């Protein structure tokens, strides 16, 4: 209805704008026609003689000539006057000899006049021309009038035709409005404008209120819409709306998942330190809608659960081993073999003490030392020998020890998974520095990594192991590479001589320039207690480190 009203209004306006100049044009044509007849009449050669040699009468030569011209031209009247303004001819013979009803001074002064004026015969379009003798002296004037009713009739006669055209244009406009309205209704699913406005407001409130990330892409891969949560999860800005996805996100699996180059549902992706679950749904216009869920907390809880289970298994095995040692010790004491009992206890305690002392002598950062002591205990319970490489040296000057804990913990966990259950299983850990760069290398004698998968193994979601109870695998090594690349380093995998795999991670600028404050050295008598504390802290440190390191398990 609005479109129809607009079409009708535009048609009426166009018709009015056309009629206004048409009326003025018809008036001008009528006045020019009257003037032309007056000029032709004034050019008659005998009129000046008749005007000077006769008197005004209804049957005089001037009246006869004027009526003949009026009848021939279709004018309403042809009036010839003398210099006094007295009529010598008129349509009504009774007006002959009388003074004209309008002021003749302008035409008698030698000017030609065109005007619309009222006279004795009503309103008319007039043309007045001076009448001159042979010497060019003005001896009178000729006034010709065209009935204004004829002008109005010409105007009115054009109105039906004009209205027919306007009606046709209005009909075409109404049809176009109907077609556009139907198309608009189909595109908007028969929703009224108020409903669309309400839906838009509800959509904005919903998109910015939900805790899931939402990203809408058009057919060219440009970001059409995103909510606040998507900006937070992907580290985007509001100004990135309208830009291609590949230009606002770095290349990698996350970009491939969002762009649709990786297919599937509930796809895992890593953005910074966050673990995301993405689902992509194509739209009819060639674009897509992507939903993102932050699974970091769930992964942390799942890893903590797995770590707790692993710790319980390790404690159960340790309890079993401890019971066997107590039984052995009890037997030795019952047999009166006190010296053998002392030697047995010394040897059992010395193994753990040597491991803790070996770690703390070479790795001075408490977090990494605790992690390795705990991992050594877990490795022993799983039948794997964890060795510290002779080149291992790490001062207590780490800028971000938590990142290095994540790197080292994930690499050790992967090596334990690869070697568990094998005969003579062992792995070697090397942590050293080159200037301010930290280098972490973990090697094992497991099955190794095929060369074809050396680059693919660091991709999110890629794993050769069965998924854990809480979700999916393929996150740990991706986090390792992401952390290394954040500092400008890298991660790579190679083959170990004799079989197995070697993972090497470099972290530039991992060490600060200032040494830490000096700590008082423990007394020699406290070494055993400190070592036991280190073992306990190592086990607890391993459990806490599982929050960030067991993602690759």
Protein backbone atom coordinates (compact mmCIF):
# COMPACT_ATOMS: atom_id res chain seq x y z
CA UNK A 1 0.00 0.00 0.00
CA UNK A 2 2.87 2.38 0.73
CA UNK A 3 4.41 1.65 -2.66
CA UNK A 4 1.05 2.14 -4.35
CA UNK A 5 0.50 5.45 -2.56
CA UNK A 6 3.97 6.58 -3.62
CA UNK A 7 3.30 5.61 -7.23
CA UNK A 8 -0.07 7.46 -7.21
CA UNK A 9 1.49 10.53 -5.62
CA UNK A 10 4.34 10.61 -8.12
CA UNK A 11 1.86 10.23 -11.01
CA UNK A 12 -0.34 13.08 -9.71
CA UNK A 13 2.69 15.30 -9.19
CA UNK A 14 4.00 14.58 -12.68
CA UNK A 15 0.56 15.30 -14.16
CA UNK A 16 0.29 18.61 -12.31
CA UNK A 17 3.80 19.61 -13.30
CA UNK A 18 2.91 18.87 -16.90
CA UNK A 19 -0.41 20.76 -16.86
CA UNK A 20 1.01 23.94 -15.30
CA UNK A 21 3.41 24.79 -18.16
CA UNK A 22 0.89 23.50 -20.72
CA UNK A 23 -1.66 26.13 -19.62
CA UNK A 24 0.93 28.89 -19.89
CA UNK A 25 2.01 27.57 -23.26
CA UNK A 26 -1.55 27.59 -24.60
CA UNK A 27 -2.04 31.17 -23.35
CA UNK A 28 1.13 32.27 -25.11
CA UNK A 29 0.10 30.53 -28.33
CA UNK A 30 -3.34 32.23 -28.23
CA UNK A 31 -1.81 35.69 -27.65
CA UNK A 32 0.72 35.21 -30.45
CA UNK A 33 -2.05 34.07 -32.77
CA UNK A 34 -4.11 37.16 -31.95
CA UNK A 35 -1.07 39.37 -32.52
CA UNK A 36 -0.37 37.72 -35.87
CA UNK A 37 -3.97 38.33 -37.01
CA UNK A 38 -3.72 41.95 -35.86
CA UNK A 39 -0.45 42.42 -37.78
CA UNK A 40 -2.02 40.95 -40.92
CA UNK A 41 -5.07 43.20 -40.56
CA UNK A 42 -2.93 46.33 -40.04
CA UNK A 43 -1.06 45.49 -43.23
CA UNK A 44 -4.23 45.87 -45.33
CA UNK A 45 -3.48 48.81 -47.64
CA UNK A 46 -6.95 50.32 -47.87
CA UNK A 47 -7.69 50.47 -44.15
CA UNK A 48 -5.76 53.68 -43.52
CA UNK A 49 -7.53 55.37 -46.44
CA UNK A 50 -10.95 54.13 -45.29
CA UNK A 51 -10.19 55.28 -41.76
CA UNK A 52 -9.36 58.80 -43.01
CA UNK A 53 -12.08 59.14 -45.71
CA UNK A 54 -15.16 57.64 -44.01
CA UNK A 55 -17.04 57.67 -40.73
CA UNK A 56 -17.58 54.79 -38.32
CA UNK A 57 -20.78 52.88 -39.23
CA UNK A 58 -22.05 49.32 -39.08
CA UNK A 59 -21.94 48.98 -42.87
CA UNK A 60 -18.82 51.01 -43.53
CA UNK A 61 -15.76 49.67 -45.35
CA UNK A 62 -13.77 49.31 -42.13
CA UNK A 63 -16.49 47.21 -40.45
CA UNK A 64 -16.85 45.05 -43.58
CA UNK A 65 -13.10 44.42 -43.80
CA UNK A 66 -12.82 43.62 -40.07
CA UNK A 67 -15.73 41.13 -40.16
CA UNK A 68 -14.33 39.45 -43.23
CA UNK A 69 -10.95 38.93 -41.48
CA UNK A 70 -12.67 37.75 -38.26
CA UNK A 71 -14.68 35.17 -40.14
CA UNK A 72 -11.64 33.97 -42.05
CA UNK A 73 -9.34 33.61 -39.00
CA UNK A 74 -11.82 32.37 -36.39
CA UNK A 75 -11.01 35.22 -34.02
CA UNK A 76 -13.55 36.27 -31.42
CA UNK A 77 -13.37 39.89 -32.56
CA UNK A 78 -11.38 42.25 -34.78
CA UNK A 79 -11.65 45.86 -33.56
CA UNK A 80 -10.22 48.79 -35.52
CA UNK A 81 -10.00 52.12 -33.68
CA UNK A 82 -8.85 55.59 -34.53
CA UNK A 83 -6.39 57.73 -32.61
CA UNK A 84 -9.10 58.76 -30.16
CA UNK A 85 -9.80 55.13 -29.23
CA UNK A 86 -13.19 55.11 -30.96
CA UNK A 87 -14.24 51.80 -32.49
CA UNK A 88 -14.74 51.65 -36.25
CA UNK A 89 -15.52 47.94 -36.18
CA UNK A 90 -16.86 45.46 -33.67
CA UNK A 91 -18.63 42.10 -33.50
CA UNK A 92 -21.60 43.93 -31.93
CA UNK A 93 -22.52 46.76 -34.36
CA UNK A 94 -24.03 48.75 -31.48
CA UNK A 95 -20.50 49.21 -30.06
CA UNK A 96 -19.30 50.97 -33.22
CA UNK A 97 -18.62 54.67 -32.54
CA UNK A 98 -18.03 54.10 -28.86
CA UNK A 99 -14.78 54.31 -26.99
CA UNK A 100 -12.94 51.04 -26.34
CA UNK A 101 -13.30 49.50 -22.85
CA UNK A 102 -9.54 49.11 -22.21
CA UNK A 103 -6.75 51.69 -22.21
CA UNK A 104 -5.40 52.02 -25.80
CA UNK A 105 -2.56 54.40 -24.97
CA UNK A 106 0.21 51.80 -25.26
CA UNK A 107 -0.73 50.61 -28.74
CA UNK A 108 -1.54 54.14 -29.96
CA UNK A 109 1.95 55.16 -28.90
CA UNK A 110 3.35 52.68 -31.42
CA UNK A 111 3.83 49.55 -29.26
CA UNK A 112 2.59 46.03 -29.98
CA UNK A 113 0.72 44.51 -27.03
CA UNK A 114 -0.04 40.87 -26.04
CA UNK A 115 -2.18 40.23 -23.00
CA UNK A 116 -4.98 38.27 -21.34
CA UNK A 117 -7.64 40.78 -20.39
CA UNK A 118 -11.34 41.32 -19.72
CA UNK A 119 -13.44 43.26 -22.25
CA UNK A 120 -17.03 43.74 -23.35
CA UNK A 121 -17.00 40.20 -24.78
CA UNK A 122 -15.46 38.66 -21.69
CA UNK A 123 -11.98 37.28 -21.05
CA UNK A 124 -9.83 36.83 -24.12
CA UNK A 125 -6.25 36.55 -25.36
CA UNK A 126 -5.49 39.81 -27.12
CA UNK A 127 -3.01 41.12 -29.61
CA UNK A 128 -2.87 44.85 -30.44
CA UNK A 129 -0.92 46.45 -33.31
CA UNK A 130 -0.71 50.18 -34.28
CA UNK A 131 -2.26 51.18 -37.66
CA UNK A 132 -0.06 53.49 -39.72
CA UNK A 133 -0.51 55.49 -42.88
CA UNK A 134 1.84 55.59 -45.81
CA UNK A 135 4.12 58.02 -43.95
CA UNK A 136 4.32 55.66 -40.94
CA UNK A 137 2.24 57.90 -38.72
CA UNK A 138 0.00 56.11 -36.25
CA UNK A 139 -3.56 56.85 -37.22
CA UNK A 140 -5.24 54.08 -35.18
CA UNK A 141 -4.86 50.53 -33.96
CA UNK A 142 -6.05 47.00 -34.60
CA UNK A 143 -7.09 44.82 -31.64
CA UNK A 144 -7.77 41.11 -32.16
CA UNK A 145 -9.13 38.83 -29.47
CA UNK A 146 -9.13 35.02 -29.20
CA UNK A 147 -11.82 33.66 -26.89
CA UNK A 148 -10.27 32.39 -23.69
CA UNK A 149 -12.88 29.67 -23.58
CA UNK A 150 -11.28 28.11 -26.64
CA UNK A 151 -7.94 28.13 -24.89
CA UNK A 152 -9.52 26.41 -21.89
CA UNK A 153 -11.17 23.92 -24.18
CA UNK A 154 -7.84 23.06 -25.74
CA UNK A 155 -6.40 22.61 -22.29
CA UNK A 156 -9.31 20.50 -21.12
CA UNK A 157 -9.21 18.44 -24.29
CA UNK A 158 -5.68 17.36 -23.46
CA UNK A 159 -6.61 16.34 -19.91
CA UNK A 160 -8.38 13.04 -20.82
CA UNK A 161 -5.46 11.97 -22.95
CA UNK A 162 -3.03 13.03 -20.27
CA UNK A 163 -5.05 11.19 -17.62
CA UNK A 164 -5.07 8.11 -19.82
CA UNK A 165 -1.29 8.18 -19.97
CA UNK A 166 -1.09 8.87 -16.24
CA UNK A 167 -3.51 6.03 -15.55
CA UNK A 168 -1.43 3.67 -17.64
CA UNK A 169 1.71 4.75 -15.81
CA UNK A 170 -0.10 4.31 -12.49
CA UNK A 171 -1.25 0.84 -13.51
CA UNK A 172 2.32 -0.13 -14.45
CA UNK A 173 3.55 1.33 -11.15
CA UNK A 174 0.88 -0.56 -9.21
CA UNK A 175 1.80 -3.81 -10.97
CA UNK A 176 5.50 -3.22 -10.29
CA UNK A 177 4.70 -2.40 -6.66
CA UNK A 178 2.71 -5.62 -6.36
CA UNK A 179 5.50 -7.71 -7.87
CA UNK A 180 8.13 -6.05 -5.67
CA UNK A 181 5.88 -6.54 -2.64
CA UNK A 182 5.43 -10.22 -3.39
CA UNK A 183 9.16 -10.69 -3.91
CA UNK A 184 9.88 -8.80 -0.71
CA UNK A 185 7.40 -10.94 1.18
CA UNK A 186 9.03 -14.11 -0.10
CA UNK A 187 12.49 -12.84 0.86
CA UNK A 188 11.31 -11.79 4.32
CA UNK A 189 9.08 -14.87 4.81
CA UNK A 190 5.92 -12.71 5.00
CA UNK A 191 7.23 -10.77 7.99
CA UNK A 192 6.08 -7.23 8.57
CA UNK A 193 8.57 -4.42 9.02
CA UNK A 194 7.84 -4.28 12.74
CA UNK A 195 8.50 -8.02 13.02
CA UNK A 196 11.80 -7.65 11.16
CA UNK A 197 12.84 -4.82 13.48
CA UNK A 198 11.93 -6.89 16.53
CA UNK A 199 13.82 -9.91 15.17
CA UNK A 200 16.89 -7.76 14.54
CA UNK A 201 16.83 -6.44 18.10
CA UNK A 202 16.34 -9.96 19.48
CA UNK A 203 19.15 -11.30 17.28
CA UNK A 204 21.58 -8.63 18.50
CA UNK A 205 20.67 -9.34 22.12
CA UNK A 206 20.98 -13.10 21.60
CA UNK A 207 24.26 -13.04 19.66
CA UNK A 208 26.01 -10.77 22.12
CA UNK A 209 24.52 -12.53 25.14
CA UNK A 210 25.34 -16.18 24.41
CA UNK A 211 28.58 -17.69 25.67
CA UNK A 212 29.37 -19.39 22.35
CA UNK A 213 31.29 -17.67 19.61
CA UNK A 214 29.29 -16.92 16.46
CA UNK A 215 30.81 -16.06 13.09
CA UNK A 216 28.90 -15.47 9.83
CA UNK A 217 30.75 -15.50 6.48
CA UNK A 218 29.53 -14.45 3.04
CA UNK A 219 30.11 -16.26 -0.24
CA UNK A 220 33.53 -14.61 -0.71
CA UNK A 221 34.78 -15.69 2.71
CA UNK A 222 34.43 -12.24 4.25
CA UNK A 223 33.32 -11.82 7.86
CA UNK A 224 29.72 -10.65 7.76
CA UNK A 225 28.88 -10.81 11.45
CA UNK A 226 30.52 -11.88 14.71
CA UNK A 227 29.60 -11.58 18.33
CA UNK A 228 31.68 -10.51 21.31
CA UNK A 229 32.60 -14.08 22.27
CA UNK A 230 33.96 -14.82 18.78
CA UNK A 231 36.10 -11.69 18.98
CA UNK A 232 37.49 -12.84 22.32
CA UNK A 233 38.16 -16.44 21.27
CA UNK A 234 39.81 -15.53 17.95
CA UNK A 235 41.49 -12.28 19.09
CA UNK A 236 39.58 -10.27 16.48
CA UNK A 237 38.38 -6.67 16.50
CA UNK A 238 35.06 -5.14 15.50
CA UNK A 239 36.90 -3.41 12.62
CA UNK A 240 37.63 -6.83 11.09
CA UNK A 241 33.99 -7.17 10.00
CA UNK A 242 33.84 -7.11 6.21
CA UNK A 243 37.43 -8.33 5.77
CA UNK A 244 38.36 -11.75 4.33
CA UNK A 245 38.91 -14.43 6.94
CA UNK A 246 42.37 -15.34 5.61
CA UNK A 247 43.62 -11.77 6.16
CA UNK A 248 42.58 -11.46 9.82
CA UNK A 249 43.64 -14.93 11.03
CA UNK A 250 47.07 -16.54 10.66
CA UNK A 251 47.35 -19.60 8.42
CA UNK A 252 46.77 -22.90 10.16
CA UNK A 253 44.14 -25.42 11.11
CA UNK A 254 41.92 -22.86 12.85
CA UNK A 255 41.63 -20.79 9.67
CA UNK A 256 41.09 -23.93 7.58
CA UNK A 257 38.28 -25.09 9.88
CA UNK A 258 36.51 -21.71 9.82
CA UNK A 259 36.93 -21.35 6.04
CA UNK A 260 35.52 -24.84 5.40
CA UNK A 261 38.74 -26.37 4.10
CA UNK A 262 38.53 -28.96 6.89
CA UNK A 263 35.25 -30.88 6.99
CA UNK A 264 33.52 -32.59 9.87
CA UNK A 265 31.63 -31.77 13.04
CA UNK A 266 32.98 -30.77 16.44
CA UNK A 267 36.38 -30.00 14.93
CA UNK A 268 39.13 -29.10 17.38
CA UNK A 269 41.20 -25.99 16.81
CA UNK A 270 43.74 -24.04 18.84
CA UNK A 271 43.63 -20.23 19.01
CA UNK A 272 46.43 -18.88 21.18
CA UNK A 273 46.25 -20.86 24.42
CA UNK A 274 42.57 -21.73 23.91
CA UNK A 275 41.18 -25.06 22.74
CA UNK A 276 38.11 -24.50 20.57
CA UNK A 277 35.42 -26.77 19.16
CA UNK A 278 34.10 -25.46 15.84
CA UNK A 279 31.03 -26.40 13.79
CA UNK A 280 30.40 -24.93 10.35
CA UNK A 281 27.01 -24.81 8.63
CA UNK A 282 26.77 -23.60 4.97
CA UNK A 283 24.02 -21.11 4.05
CA UNK A 284 21.95 -20.82 0.87
CA UNK A 285 23.86 -17.74 -0.38
CA UNK A 286 27.19 -19.59 -0.48
CA UNK A 287 28.36 -18.33 2.91
CA UNK A 288 28.49 -20.15 6.22
CA UNK A 289 27.74 -19.82 9.91
CA UNK A 290 30.40 -21.01 12.36
CA UNK A 291 29.85 -21.64 16.07
CA UNK A 292 32.79 -21.80 18.47
CA UNK A 293 32.88 -23.30 21.94
CA UNK A 294 35.69 -22.66 24.38
CA UNK A 295 36.78 -26.11 25.49
CA UNK A 296 39.85 -24.97 27.38
CA UNK A 297 38.29 -25.41 30.80
CA UNK A 298 36.79 -28.77 29.85
CA UNK A 299 40.14 -29.94 28.48
CA UNK A 300 41.82 -28.76 31.68
CA UNK A 301 39.32 -30.68 33.82
CA UNK A 302 39.64 -33.75 31.60
CA UNK A 303 43.43 -33.61 31.74
CA UNK A 304 43.26 -33.16 35.50
CA UNK A 305 41.00 -36.21 35.71
CA UNK A 306 43.40 -38.26 33.59
CA UNK A 307 46.30 -36.99 35.65
CA UNK A 308 44.53 -37.92 38.86
CA UNK A 309 43.85 -41.40 37.51
CA UNK A 310 47.47 -41.75 36.48
CA UNK A 311 48.58 -40.56 39.91
CA UNK A 312 46.26 -43.06 41.60
CA UNK A 313 47.63 -45.87 39.43
CA UNK A 314 51.18 -44.78 40.23
CA UNK A 315 50.40 -44.62 43.97
CA UNK A 316 48.73 -48.05 43.80
CA UNK A 317 51.79 -49.51 42.09
CA UNK A 318 54.07 -47.69 44.52
CA UNK A 319 52.02 -49.05 47.44
CA UNK A 320 52.36 -52.57 46.02
CA UNK A 321 56.10 -52.09 45.59
CA UNK A 322 56.36 -50.61 49.07
CA UNK A 323 54.50 -53.63 50.53
CA UNK A 324 56.89 -56.00 48.76
CA UNK A 325 59.89 -54.12 50.17
CA UNK A 326 58.42 -54.18 53.67
CA UNK A 327 57.85 -57.91 53.38
CA UNK A 328 61.42 -58.37 52.19
CA UNK A 329 62.72 -56.19 55.02
CA UNK A 330 60.61 -58.09 57.56
CA UNK A 331 61.98 -61.39 56.30
CA UNK A 332 65.56 -60.20 56.52
CA UNK A 333 65.02 -59.00 60.07
CA UNK A 334 63.31 -62.21 61.13
CA UNK A 335 66.25 -64.18 59.73
CA UNK A 336 68.62 -62.00 61.72
CA UNK A 337 70.26 -60.57 58.64
CA UNK A 338 70.50 -57.01 59.93
CA UNK A 339 73.39 -55.96 57.68
CA UNK A 340 71.58 -57.19 54.56
CA UNK A 341 68.43 -55.34 55.68
CA UNK A 342 70.39 -52.09 56.10
CA UNK A 343 71.98 -52.53 52.67
CA UNK A 344 68.56 -53.26 51.11
CA UNK A 345 66.96 -50.11 52.58
CA UNK A 346 69.97 -47.97 51.63
CA UNK A 347 69.91 -49.16 48.04
CA UNK A 348 66.11 -48.63 47.70
CA UNK A 349 66.26 -45.10 49.11
CA UNK A 350 69.40 -44.24 47.18
CA UNK A 351 67.75 -44.81 43.80
CA UNK A 352 65.10 -42.17 44.44
CA UNK A 353 67.57 -39.82 46.10
CA UNK A 354 69.96 -40.07 43.15
CA UNK A 355 67.21 -39.24 40.68
CA UNK A 356 66.07 -36.16 42.62
CA UNK A 357 69.64 -34.96 43.19
CA UNK A 358 70.50 -35.48 39.52
CA UNK A 359 67.56 -33.32 38.45
CA UNK A 360 68.04 -30.51 40.98
CA UNK A 361 71.79 -30.27 40.32
CA UNK A 362 71.23 -29.59 36.61
CA UNK A 363 67.84 -27.86 36.53
CA UNK A 364 67.62 -24.98 38.98
CA UNK A 365 64.11 -23.83 38.10
CA UNK A 366 61.84 -25.32 40.80
CA UNK A 367 58.83 -25.88 38.55
CA UNK A 368 60.74 -27.77 35.87
CA UNK A 369 62.74 -29.69 38.48
CA UNK A 370 59.56 -30.75 40.28
CA UNK A 371 58.00 -31.74 36.97
CA UNK A 372 60.92 -33.97 35.98
CA UNK A 373 61.15 -35.60 39.43
CA UNK A 374 57.44 -36.42 39.27
CA UNK A 375 57.68 -37.68 35.69
CA UNK A 376 60.65 -39.84 36.68
CA UNK A 377 58.53 -41.47 39.37
CA UNK A 378 55.65 -42.05 36.95
CA UNK A 379 58.08 -43.42 34.35
CA UNK A 380 59.51 -45.88 36.88
CA UNK A 381 56.04 -47.14 37.75
CA UNK A 382 55.30 -47.62 34.04
CA UNK A 383 58.50 -49.54 33.45
CA UNK A 384 60.29 -46.78 31.54
CA UNK A 385 63.72 -45.46 32.40
CA UNK A 386 63.87 -41.63 32.35
CA UNK A 387 67.39 -40.30 31.96
CA UNK A 388 68.73 -36.76 32.22
CA UNK A 389 71.16 -35.97 29.41
CA UNK A 390 74.66 -34.95 30.52
CA UNK A 391 74.37 -31.67 28.58
CA UNK A 392 71.33 -30.61 30.62
CA UNK A 393 71.89 -27.22 32.28
CA UNK A 394 69.12 -24.73 33.08
CA UNK A 395 69.61 -21.73 35.39
CA UNK A 396 66.80 -20.27 37.49
CA UNK A 397 66.25 -17.30 35.14
CA UNK A 398 63.21 -18.37 33.11
CA UNK A 399 60.94 -15.56 31.98
CA UNK A 400 57.86 -17.80 31.65
CA UNK A 401 58.47 -21.16 33.35
CA UNK A 402 54.84 -22.23 32.90
CA UNK A 403 55.21 -22.24 29.10
CA UNK A 404 58.35 -24.40 29.35
CA UNK A 405 56.52 -26.72 31.76
CA UNK A 406 53.80 -27.15 29.13
CA UNK A 407 56.38 -27.88 26.42
CA UNK A 408 58.46 -30.33 28.45
CA UNK A 409 55.47 -32.06 30.08
CA UNK A 410 53.73 -32.75 26.77
CA UNK A 411 56.91 -34.09 25.18
CA UNK A 412 57.63 -36.40 28.13
CA UNK A 413 54.02 -37.64 28.23
CA UNK A 414 54.10 -38.46 24.52
CA UNK A 415 57.41 -40.30 24.98
CA UNK A 416 55.99 -42.29 27.92
CA UNK A 417 52.93 -43.24 25.86
CA UNK A 418 55.16 -44.31 22.96
CA UNK A 419 57.50 -46.48 25.05
CA UNK A 420 55.20 -47.98 27.70
CA UNK A 421 54.96 -51.75 27.49
CA UNK A 422 58.22 -52.20 25.55
CA UNK A 423 61.29 -54.08 26.79
CA UNK A 424 64.17 -51.88 27.85
CA UNK A 425 61.98 -48.78 27.33
CA UNK A 426 63.80 -45.56 28.08
CA UNK A 427 63.66 -41.88 27.25
CA UNK A 428 66.17 -39.09 27.61
CA UNK A 429 65.46 -35.47 28.51
CA UNK A 430 67.82 -32.64 27.66
CA UNK A 431 67.16 -29.04 28.68
CA UNK A 432 69.96 -26.59 27.95
CA UNK A 433 70.50 -22.97 27.07
CA UNK A 434 72.22 -21.23 24.18
CA UNK A 435 72.57 -17.65 25.31
CA UNK A 436 69.02 -16.59 26.20
CA UNK A 437 67.46 -19.38 24.11
CA UNK A 438 66.15 -22.51 25.81
CA UNK A 439 66.42 -25.81 23.92
CA UNK A 440 64.29 -28.78 25.00
CA UNK A 441 65.01 -32.19 23.49
CA UNK A 442 63.21 -35.42 24.38
CA UNK A 443 64.20 -38.70 22.71
CA UNK A 444 62.79 -42.20 23.17
CA UNK A 445 63.29 -45.69 21.78
CA UNK A 446 59.64 -46.13 20.80
CA UNK A 447 58.29 -46.85 17.31
CA UNK A 448 59.17 -43.35 16.12
CA UNK A 449 57.33 -41.04 13.71
CA UNK A 450 57.26 -41.79 9.96
CA UNK A 451 58.98 -39.10 7.94
CA UNK A 452 55.77 -38.47 5.97
CA UNK A 453 54.08 -37.33 9.19
CA UNK A 454 56.84 -35.09 10.56
CA UNK A 455 54.97 -31.87 9.70
CA UNK A 456 51.49 -33.24 10.20
CA UNK A 457 52.08 -34.40 13.76
CA UNK A 458 52.06 -30.78 15.03
CA UNK A 459 48.61 -30.13 13.53
CA UNK A 460 45.61 -29.77 15.84
CA UNK A 461 43.47 -32.88 15.97
CA UNK A 462 46.11 -35.22 14.48
CA UNK A 463 47.00 -38.24 16.62
CA UNK A 464 47.71 -41.94 16.27
CA UNK A 465 46.34 -42.82 19.72
CA UNK A 466 42.85 -43.62 20.88
CA UNK A 467 40.95 -40.62 22.29
CA UNK A 468 40.70 -40.32 26.08
CA UNK A 469 37.49 -40.54 28.05
CA UNK A 470 36.97 -36.79 28.18
CA UNK A 471 37.29 -35.88 24.52
CA UNK A 472 39.71 -35.84 21.60
CA UNK A 473 43.48 -36.01 21.10
CA UNK A 474 45.89 -34.04 18.96
CA UNK A 475 46.13 -30.92 21.11
CA UNK A 476 49.41 -31.29 23.07
CA UNK A 477 51.94 -31.07 20.24
CA UNK A 478 49.93 -28.29 18.61
CA UNK A 479 50.18 -26.31 21.85
CA UNK A 480 53.92 -27.03 22.00
CA UNK A 481 54.47 -25.64 18.52
CA UNK A 482 52.17 -22.66 19.18
CA UNK A 483 54.05 -21.74 22.37
CA UNK A 484 57.41 -22.04 20.63
CA UNK A 485 56.28 -19.94 17.67
CA UNK A 486 54.88 -17.29 20.02
CA UNK A 487 58.46 -16.62 21.15
CA UNK A 488 59.83 -16.84 17.61
CA UNK A 489 61.06 -20.42 17.94
CA UNK A 490 59.90 -23.71 16.50
CA UNK A 491 59.32 -27.40 17.04
CA UNK A 492 60.53 -30.32 14.95
CA UNK A 493 60.72 -34.10 15.11
CA UNK A 494 63.44 -36.41 13.81
CA UNK A 495 64.64 -39.99 14.00
CA UNK A 496 66.73 -41.28 16.91
CA UNK A 497 69.80 -43.37 16.06
CA UNK A 498 68.89 -46.96 16.78
CA UNK A 499 65.16 -46.33 16.43
CA UNK A 500 62.69 -43.99 18.05
CA UNK A 501 61.89 -40.31 17.82
CA UNK A 502 63.61 -37.08 18.87
CA UNK A 503 61.52 -33.97 19.52
CA UNK A 504 63.38 -30.65 19.65
CA UNK A 505 61.81 -27.35 20.69
CA UNK A 506 63.63 -24.00 20.71
CA UNK A 507 62.28 -21.07 22.73
CA UNK A 508 64.18 -17.80 22.07
CA UNK A 509 64.45 -15.16 24.82
CA UNK A 510 63.29 -17.67 27.41
CA UNK A 511 65.87 -16.49 29.98
CA UNK A 512 66.13 -13.10 31.63
CA UNK A 513 69.39 -11.17 31.92
CA UNK A 514 69.20 -10.70 35.71
CA UNK A 515 70.09 -13.65 37.96
CA UNK A 516 67.59 -14.50 40.72
CA UNK A 517 68.18 -13.53 44.32
CA UNK A 518 70.55 -15.88 46.14
CA UNK A 519 68.86 -18.53 48.28
CA UNK A 520 70.49 -19.97 51.40
CA UNK A 521 71.85 -23.46 50.79
CA UNK A 522 70.33 -26.26 52.88
CA UNK A 523 72.41 -27.93 55.59
CA UNK A 524 74.02 -31.14 54.73
CA UNK A 525 71.95 -32.91 57.28
CA UNK A 526 68.80 -31.80 55.59
CA UNK A 527 69.70 -33.32 52.26
CA UNK A 528 67.73 -36.45 52.80
CA UNK A 529 64.69 -34.56 53.95
CA UNK A 530 65.04 -32.06 51.11
CA UNK A 531 65.32 -34.86 48.61
CA UNK A 532 62.21 -36.51 49.94
CA UNK A 533 60.46 -33.20 49.79
CA UNK A 534 61.65 -32.82 46.21
CA UNK A 535 60.20 -36.20 45.37
CA UNK A 536 56.89 -35.28 46.94
CA UNK A 537 56.92 -31.89 45.23
CA UNK A 538 57.83 -33.60 41.98
CA UNK A 539 54.83 -35.90 42.18
CA UNK A 540 52.54 -33.00 43.07
CA UNK A 541 54.22 -30.82 40.38
CA UNK A 542 53.59 -33.52 37.82
CA UNK A 543 49.94 -33.63 38.83
CA UNK A 544 49.60 -29.83 38.54
CA UNK A 545 51.52 -29.75 35.28
CA UNK A 546 48.95 -32.15 33.85
CA UNK A 547 46.57 -29.17 33.75
CA UNK A 548 48.49 -27.90 30.73
CA UNK A 549 50.71 -30.74 29.53
CA UNK A 550 48.45 -33.77 29.16
CA UNK A 551 46.45 -32.26 26.31
CA UNK A 552 48.40 -34.39 23.84
CA UNK A 553 47.61 -37.64 25.59
